[in-house]
């Protein structure tokens, strides 16, 4: 639509997956199913934790925050992706493209910091169990979540100010299924050195430092678990953090492969698909299948729901019987 002549880009066309047009309907149905399962699964975890008093603890509070971020991430990316797959591309306003990028980077940054806090919570629970309740309490949880959101909002503001000073022109197509930083900056007619340096600097507090904290925390956790003389005790203790460790490995594994190693455009799309679509659906599956407390709380919640439904049905039958009399 535009050429490199200084005219502003006002619309972005996302090309999506150009090599799978034959399977577009199948991919659309698969993505739609994944989207529904992701949203419903994460909502179910939030509801189970909210209604079960036995799960009112810091670990499950942070788990609900993780589920909330997964819902935000998948609703930011997948609806547009469904349109791209079904209609072989999607046109959106440039401002909308930038907003999608901000929401995406915000959820990614929040998840990095949240996974770090969750690893610290497991460290305190396993390595310092006697002081756990005094260190990790509801005040700590609320202050930590508030601080995480404040950090991310400040970073987004910095990026907004930097990117808002640039002019954008040139071709209006992006060979991707969502608006990432590099494809957006490719449309800039200005020198983008400053914002690229800012993004590199922000990788330290948002990704590398949290990853270092997670590695150190689990090093202490593993060392503590190995000192437990009972095999049963070792397995029980490790089961409390195995779900979180699995999520961390999947999440950071795909991000590191995406941004630290050279890849082709098709490989980048596949890796982006893993941490924007696959990871949000894996989180509730991993936590629900490997966590006995959540499974027990889910059964109790389903039992309450079924008893309420049976009570309503009985009342309806009695009311119909009385009316017929």
Protein backbone atom coordinates (compact mmCIF):
# COMPACT_ATOMS: atom_id res chain seq x y z
CA UNK A 1 0.00 0.00 0.00
CA UNK A 2 2.87 2.32 0.83
CA UNK A 3 6.34 2.79 -0.49
CA UNK A 4 9.44 4.17 1.15
CA UNK A 5 8.52 7.74 0.33
CA UNK A 6 7.60 9.01 3.78
CA UNK A 7 3.86 8.29 3.52
CA UNK A 8 2.43 6.87 6.71
CA UNK A 9 1.41 3.23 7.14
CA UNK A 10 -2.14 3.19 8.47
CA UNK A 11 -3.02 -0.46 7.93
CA UNK A 12 -1.15 -3.74 8.44
CA UNK A 13 -1.86 -6.98 6.60
CA UNK A 14 -0.84 -10.13 8.48
CA UNK A 15 0.04 -12.89 6.02
CA UNK A 16 -0.12 -15.71 8.55
CA UNK A 17 0.52 -19.24 7.29
CA UNK A 18 0.90 -19.08 3.53
CA UNK A 19 2.12 -22.66 3.06
CA UNK A 20 -0.86 -24.47 4.65
CA UNK A 21 -3.80 -23.11 2.66
CA UNK A 22 -4.95 -26.63 1.77
CA UNK A 23 -5.48 -27.42 5.44
CA UNK A 24 -6.90 -24.04 6.46
CA UNK A 25 -10.28 -25.42 7.58
CA UNK A 26 -8.68 -28.19 9.63
CA UNK A 27 -6.21 -25.78 11.23
CA UNK A 28 -9.04 -23.33 11.94
CA UNK A 29 -11.06 -26.02 13.74
CA UNK A 30 -8.00 -27.17 15.68
CA UNK A 31 -7.15 -23.62 16.76
CA UNK A 32 -10.78 -22.94 17.70
CA UNK A 33 -10.88 -26.09 19.83
CA UNK A 34 -7.55 -25.16 21.44
CA UNK A 35 -8.83 -21.65 22.16
CA UNK A 36 -12.02 -22.92 23.81
CA UNK A 37 -10.18 -25.53 25.89
CA UNK A 38 -7.55 -22.98 26.96
CA UNK A 39 -10.08 -20.39 28.13
CA UNK A 40 -12.38 -22.94 29.80
CA UNK A 41 -9.50 -24.85 31.42
CA UNK A 42 -7.89 -21.76 32.92
CA UNK A 43 -11.26 -20.38 34.03
CA UNK A 44 -12.01 -23.71 35.69
CA UNK A 45 -8.74 -23.57 37.67
CA UNK A 46 -9.61 -20.04 38.84
CA UNK A 47 -13.10 -21.14 39.91
CA UNK A 48 -11.86 -24.28 41.69
CA UNK A 49 -9.26 -22.32 43.66
CA UNK A 50 -11.77 -19.57 44.47
CA UNK A 51 -14.48 -21.92 45.78
CA UNK A 52 -12.20 -24.38 47.64
CA UNK A 53 -11.00 -23.16 51.02
CA UNK A 54 -8.33 -25.84 51.11
CA UNK A 55 -6.69 -24.16 48.11
CA UNK A 56 -6.60 -20.67 49.63
CA UNK A 57 -2.81 -20.57 49.86
CA UNK A 58 -0.08 -18.49 48.17
CA UNK A 59 0.86 -21.27 45.73
CA UNK A 60 -2.66 -21.52 44.34
CA UNK A 61 -3.13 -17.75 44.41
CA UNK A 62 -0.15 -17.44 42.07
CA UNK A 63 -1.58 -20.29 39.98
CA UNK A 64 -4.80 -18.32 39.43
CA UNK A 65 -2.71 -15.35 38.31
CA UNK A 66 -0.90 -17.60 35.83
CA UNK A 67 -4.25 -18.84 34.51
CA UNK A 68 -5.43 -15.24 34.16
CA UNK A 69 -2.34 -14.37 32.11
CA UNK A 70 -2.85 -17.42 29.89
CA UNK A 71 -6.41 -16.29 29.17
CA UNK A 72 -5.20 -12.77 28.37
CA UNK A 73 -2.45 -14.07 26.08
CA UNK A 74 -4.64 -16.47 24.12
CA UNK A 75 -7.45 -13.90 23.69
CA UNK A 76 -4.88 -11.38 22.43
CA UNK A 77 -3.44 -13.70 19.77
CA UNK A 78 -5.83 -16.49 18.79
CA UNK A 79 -8.99 -14.61 17.63
CA UNK A 80 -7.00 -12.70 14.99
CA UNK A 81 -5.18 -15.90 14.08
CA UNK A 82 -8.50 -17.65 13.42
CA UNK A 83 -9.44 -14.87 11.01
CA UNK A 84 -6.02 -15.12 9.32
CA UNK A 85 -6.29 -18.88 8.82
CA UNK A 86 -9.87 -18.81 7.56
CA UNK A 87 -9.47 -15.86 5.16
CA UNK A 88 -5.78 -16.37 4.27
CA UNK A 89 -4.71 -13.13 5.93
CA UNK A 90 -6.06 -10.35 8.07
CA UNK A 91 -5.97 -6.58 7.73
CA UNK A 92 -5.89 -4.47 10.90
CA UNK A 93 -5.25 -0.83 11.74
CA UNK A 94 -1.65 0.00 12.56
CA UNK A 95 -2.65 1.26 16.00
CA UNK A 96 -4.44 -2.02 16.64
CA UNK A 97 -1.29 -3.87 15.60
CA UNK A 98 0.77 -1.87 18.11
CA UNK A 99 -1.82 -2.46 20.86
CA UNK A 100 -1.68 -6.20 20.18
CA UNK A 101 2.10 -6.09 20.52
CA UNK A 102 1.87 -4.22 23.83
CA UNK A 103 -0.63 -6.72 25.24
CA UNK A 104 1.52 -9.60 24.03
CA UNK A 105 4.76 -8.27 25.52
CA UNK A 106 2.96 -7.37 28.75
CA UNK A 107 1.61 -10.89 29.28
CA UNK A 108 4.98 -12.42 28.37
CA UNK A 109 6.82 -10.15 30.83
CA UNK A 110 4.22 -10.75 33.55
CA UNK A 111 4.49 -14.51 33.09
CA UNK A 112 8.29 -14.42 33.35
CA UNK A 113 8.14 -12.51 36.63
CA UNK A 114 5.25 -14.59 37.95
CA UNK A 115 7.05 -17.88 37.28
CA UNK A 116 10.01 -16.43 39.19
CA UNK A 117 7.83 -15.59 42.19
CA UNK A 118 6.29 -19.06 42.07
CA UNK A 119 9.77 -20.64 42.15
CA UNK A 120 10.64 -18.48 45.18
CA UNK A 121 7.41 -19.62 46.84
CA UNK A 122 8.39 -23.28 46.30
CA UNK A 123 11.89 -22.53 47.59
CA UNK A 124 10.53 -21.12 50.84
CA UNK A 125 8.01 -23.97 51.22
CA UNK A 126 10.61 -26.72 50.77
CA UNK A 127 13.86 -25.20 52.03
CA UNK A 128 12.45 -23.04 54.87
CA UNK A 129 9.16 -24.72 55.85
CA UNK A 130 9.19 -23.42 59.45
CA UNK A 131 9.31 -19.79 58.32
CA UNK A 132 7.12 -20.21 55.22
CA UNK A 133 3.90 -18.79 56.69
CA UNK A 134 5.70 -15.75 58.06
CA UNK A 135 7.54 -14.98 54.81
CA UNK A 136 4.87 -15.90 52.26
CA UNK A 137 1.49 -14.55 53.34
CA UNK A 138 -1.42 -12.76 51.70
CA UNK A 139 0.30 -9.38 52.07
CA UNK A 140 3.38 -10.68 50.31
CA UNK A 141 1.22 -12.08 47.50
CA UNK A 142 -0.71 -8.86 46.96
CA UNK A 143 2.38 -6.66 47.16
CA UNK A 144 4.29 -8.91 44.76
CA UNK A 145 1.51 -9.02 42.16
CA UNK A 146 1.05 -5.24 42.41
CA UNK A 147 4.81 -4.69 42.00
CA UNK A 148 4.93 -7.00 38.97
CA UNK A 149 2.10 -5.12 37.26
CA UNK A 150 3.74 -1.78 38.11
CA UNK A 151 7.05 -2.90 36.57
CA UNK A 152 5.41 -4.14 33.39
CA UNK A 153 3.22 -1.04 32.99
CA UNK A 154 6.30 1.17 33.40
CA UNK A 155 8.19 -0.80 30.77
CA UNK A 156 5.27 -0.64 28.34
CA UNK A 157 5.11 3.13 28.89
CA UNK A 158 8.79 3.43 28.05
CA UNK A 159 8.37 1.42 24.86
CA UNK A 160 5.26 3.41 23.96
CA UNK A 161 7.09 6.71 24.25
CA UNK A 162 10.04 5.44 22.21
CA UNK A 163 8.01 3.81 19.44
CA UNK A 164 5.56 6.71 19.29
CA UNK A 165 8.34 9.06 18.20
CA UNK A 166 8.98 7.12 14.99
CA UNK A 167 7.38 7.47 11.58
CA UNK A 168 6.21 4.31 9.86
CA UNK A 169 6.10 3.81 6.11
CA UNK A 170 6.89 1.24 3.43
CA UNK A 171 5.13 -2.04 2.71
CA UNK A 172 2.15 -2.80 4.88
CA UNK A 173 2.42 -6.61 5.09
CA UNK A 174 3.86 -8.69 7.93
CA UNK A 175 4.84 -12.31 7.34
CA UNK A 176 3.55 -13.44 10.74
CA UNK A 177 0.30 -14.25 12.51
CA UNK A 178 0.60 -11.48 15.12
CA UNK A 179 2.37 -8.15 15.56
CA UNK A 180 5.81 -8.66 17.10
CA UNK A 181 8.48 -6.02 17.73
CA UNK A 182 10.83 -6.66 14.78
CA UNK A 183 8.07 -6.79 12.10
CA UNK A 184 6.66 -3.49 13.39
CA UNK A 185 10.06 -1.77 13.43
CA UNK A 186 10.68 -2.90 9.84
CA UNK A 187 8.02 -0.37 8.80
CA UNK A 188 9.80 2.53 10.48
CA UNK A 189 11.35 5.25 8.33
CA UNK A 190 13.34 6.45 11.36
CA UNK A 191 16.44 5.08 13.03
CA UNK A 192 15.21 2.33 15.40
CA UNK A 193 18.54 1.84 17.15
CA UNK A 194 17.31 3.37 20.43
CA UNK A 195 14.21 1.19 20.84
CA UNK A 196 16.17 -1.92 19.85
CA UNK A 197 18.74 -1.14 22.52
CA UNK A 198 15.94 -0.55 25.03
CA UNK A 199 14.41 -3.93 24.21
CA UNK A 200 17.80 -5.62 24.63
CA UNK A 201 18.33 -3.91 27.98
CA UNK A 202 14.83 -4.89 29.15
CA UNK A 203 15.57 -8.54 28.41
CA UNK A 204 17.80 -8.57 31.49
CA UNK A 205 15.14 -7.80 34.17
CA UNK A 206 12.31 -9.51 32.29
CA UNK A 207 13.88 -12.78 31.13
CA UNK A 208 17.52 -13.43 32.04
CA UNK A 209 17.42 -12.32 35.69
CA UNK A 210 14.15 -14.19 36.41
CA UNK A 211 15.58 -17.30 34.74
CA UNK A 212 18.70 -17.05 36.91
CA UNK A 213 16.56 -16.77 40.05
CA UNK A 214 14.52 -19.81 38.99
CA UNK A 215 17.67 -21.88 38.36
CA UNK A 216 19.18 -20.94 41.73
CA UNK A 217 15.89 -21.61 43.54
CA UNK A 218 15.55 -25.07 42.03
CA UNK A 219 19.19 -25.85 42.71
CA UNK A 220 18.51 -25.29 46.42
CA UNK A 221 15.21 -27.19 46.16
CA UNK A 222 16.82 -30.23 44.53
CA UNK A 223 19.68 -30.16 47.05
CA UNK A 224 17.14 -30.08 49.91
CA UNK A 225 15.03 -32.88 48.42
CA UNK A 226 18.07 -35.13 47.99
CA UNK A 227 18.78 -34.85 51.74
CA UNK A 228 15.35 -36.32 52.61
CA UNK A 229 16.01 -39.91 53.77
CA UNK A 230 12.59 -41.30 52.85
CA UNK A 231 11.91 -42.12 49.20
CA UNK A 232 8.21 -41.46 49.73
CA UNK A 233 8.99 -38.11 51.30
CA UNK A 234 11.26 -37.22 48.41
CA UNK A 235 8.60 -38.05 45.83
CA UNK A 236 5.89 -36.18 47.76
CA UNK A 237 8.06 -33.09 48.16
CA UNK A 238 9.16 -33.05 44.53
CA UNK A 239 5.56 -33.48 43.33
CA UNK A 240 4.68 -30.08 44.84
CA UNK A 241 7.04 -28.30 42.43
CA UNK A 242 7.18 -30.67 39.44
CA UNK A 243 4.24 -28.97 37.71
CA UNK A 244 5.83 -25.54 37.98
CA UNK A 245 9.18 -26.88 36.79
CA UNK A 246 7.54 -28.44 33.74
CA UNK A 247 5.81 -25.16 32.86
CA UNK A 248 9.08 -23.22 33.26
CA UNK A 249 10.97 -25.64 30.98
CA UNK A 250 8.32 -25.45 28.25
CA UNK A 251 7.94 -21.67 28.48
CA UNK A 252 11.61 -20.67 28.61
CA UNK A 253 12.66 -23.44 26.22
CA UNK A 254 10.51 -22.06 23.41
CA UNK A 255 11.41 -18.41 24.11
CA UNK A 256 15.16 -19.13 24.19
CA UNK A 257 14.90 -21.13 20.96
CA UNK A 258 12.93 -18.28 19.40
CA UNK A 259 15.05 -15.25 20.29
CA UNK A 260 18.58 -16.54 20.93
CA UNK A 261 19.08 -18.83 17.95
CA UNK A 262 18.88 -17.95 14.24
CA UNK A 263 15.77 -19.44 12.63
CA UNK A 264 13.90 -19.21 9.36
CA UNK A 265 10.56 -17.40 9.20
CA UNK A 266 8.63 -20.69 9.18
CA UNK A 267 10.52 -21.97 12.23
CA UNK A 268 9.89 -18.68 14.03
CA UNK A 269 6.17 -19.03 13.35
CA UNK A 270 6.16 -22.56 14.76
CA UNK A 271 8.06 -21.50 17.90
CA UNK A 272 5.76 -18.49 18.32
CA UNK A 273 2.82 -20.84 18.00
CA UNK A 274 4.22 -22.96 20.83
CA UNK A 275 4.43 -20.20 23.44
CA UNK A 276 1.35 -18.24 22.35
CA UNK A 277 -1.09 -21.12 21.75
CA UNK A 278 0.30 -24.42 23.05
CA UNK A 279 1.76 -23.25 26.38
CA UNK A 280 -1.48 -21.59 27.64
CA UNK A 281 -3.39 -24.84 27.07
CA UNK A 282 -0.66 -26.99 28.64
CA UNK A 283 -0.55 -25.03 31.89
CA UNK A 284 -4.03 -26.05 33.18
CA UNK A 285 -3.52 -29.61 31.91
CA UNK A 286 -0.17 -29.99 33.69
CA UNK A 287 -1.40 -28.52 36.97
CA UNK A 288 -4.74 -30.34 36.99
CA UNK A 289 -3.38 -33.78 36.06
CA UNK A 290 -0.41 -33.78 38.45
CA UNK A 291 -1.97 -31.99 41.42
CA UNK A 292 -4.06 -34.11 43.79
CA UNK A 293 -5.43 -31.12 45.70
CA UNK A 294 -6.86 -29.54 42.55
CA UNK A 295 -8.38 -32.84 41.42
CA UNK A 296 -10.00 -33.39 44.82
CA UNK A 297 -11.28 -29.81 44.94
CA UNK A 298 -12.65 -30.21 41.40
CA UNK A 299 -14.53 -33.37 42.39
CA UNK A 300 -16.01 -31.61 45.43
CA UNK A 301 -17.05 -28.64 43.31
CA UNK A 302 -18.67 -30.92 40.73
CA UNK A 303 -20.42 -32.74 43.56
CA UNK A 304 -21.83 -29.47 44.89
CA UNK A 305 -22.96 -28.43 41.43
CA UNK A 306 -24.67 -31.77 40.80
CA UNK A 307 -26.41 -31.68 44.20
CA UNK A 308 -27.67 -28.16 43.53
CA UNK A 309 -28.96 -29.23 40.12
CA UNK A 310 -30.68 -32.26 41.63
CA UNK A 311 -32.29 -30.04 44.29
CA UNK A 312 -33.63 -27.68 41.64
CA UNK A 313 -34.97 -30.59 39.62
CA UNK A 314 -36.70 -32.00 42.71
CA UNK A 315 -38.26 -28.62 43.45
CA UNK A 316 -39.49 -28.33 39.85
CA UNK A 317 -41.06 -31.79 40.03
CA UNK A 318 -42.76 -30.96 43.34
CA UNK A 319 -44.07 -27.69 41.98
CA UNK A 320 -45.45 -29.49 38.92
CA UNK A 321 -47.04 -32.12 41.16
CA UNK A 322 -48.68 -29.49 43.37
CA UNK A 323 -49.88 -27.56 40.32
CA UNK A 324 -51.41 -30.68 38.81
CA UNK A 325 -53.28 -31.32 42.07
